[in-house]
């Protein structure tokens, strides 16, 4: 599994938890924007986690 695929799945799960556990609605536009930003920031996120 690629790190970017993992990051994408984590972002999707986070959005899902916000929607179901916190009753927060994320529009499709925001969902796409969030996922794009996560993918763009994968390298930076990895550096921060090291």
Protein backbone atom coordinates (compact mmCIF):
# COMPACT_ATOMS: atom_id res chain seq x y z
CA UNK A 1 0.00 0.00 0.00
CA UNK A 2 1.26 3.44 -0.88
CA UNK A 3 1.57 6.02 1.86
CA UNK A 4 -0.62 8.39 -0.15
CA UNK A 5 -3.36 5.73 -0.32
CA UNK A 6 -3.13 5.26 3.44
CA UNK A 7 -3.33 9.02 4.04
CA UNK A 8 -6.35 9.22 1.75
CA UNK A 9 -8.12 6.44 3.66
CA UNK A 10 -7.35 8.09 7.01
CA UNK A 11 -8.79 11.38 5.73
CA UNK A 12 -11.93 9.62 4.47
CA UNK A 13 -12.38 7.88 7.81
CA UNK A 14 -11.94 11.15 9.69
CA UNK A 15 -14.62 12.81 7.58
CA UNK A 16 -16.88 9.79 8.12
CA UNK A 17 -16.40 9.99 11.89
CA UNK A 18 -17.18 13.71 11.90
CA UNK A 19 -20.38 13.08 9.97
CA UNK A 20 -21.64 10.14 11.99
CA UNK A 21 -20.29 10.64 15.50
CA UNK A 22 -20.46 14.43 15.64
CA UNK A 23 -23.32 14.97 13.16
CA UNK A 24 -21.11 17.31 11.17
CA UNK A 25 -21.94 17.53 7.46
CA UNK A 26 -19.06 17.84 5.03
CA UNK A 27 -20.16 18.94 1.57
CA UNK A 28 -18.86 17.08 -1.47
CA UNK A 29 -16.86 20.16 -2.47
CA UNK A 30 -15.17 20.39 0.93
CA UNK A 31 -14.60 16.64 0.98
CA UNK A 32 -12.71 16.82 -2.32
CA UNK A 33 -10.73 19.86 -1.16
CA UNK A 34 -9.74 18.18 2.11
CA UNK A 35 -8.67 14.99 0.38
CA UNK A 36 -6.63 16.93 -2.21
CA UNK A 37 -4.85 18.88 0.55
CA UNK A 38 -4.04 15.73 2.50
CA UNK A 39 -2.55 14.12 -0.60
CA UNK A 40 -0.55 17.28 -1.33
CA UNK A 41 0.79 17.37 2.25
CA UNK A 42 1.70 13.67 2.64
CA UNK A 43 5.45 14.31 2.67
CA UNK A 44 5.11 17.07 5.26
CA UNK A 45 2.84 14.90 7.44
CA UNK A 46 5.39 12.08 7.32
CA UNK A 47 8.18 14.46 8.38
CA UNK A 48 6.09 15.66 11.35
CA UNK A 49 5.38 12.11 12.47
CA UNK A 50 9.05 11.08 12.50
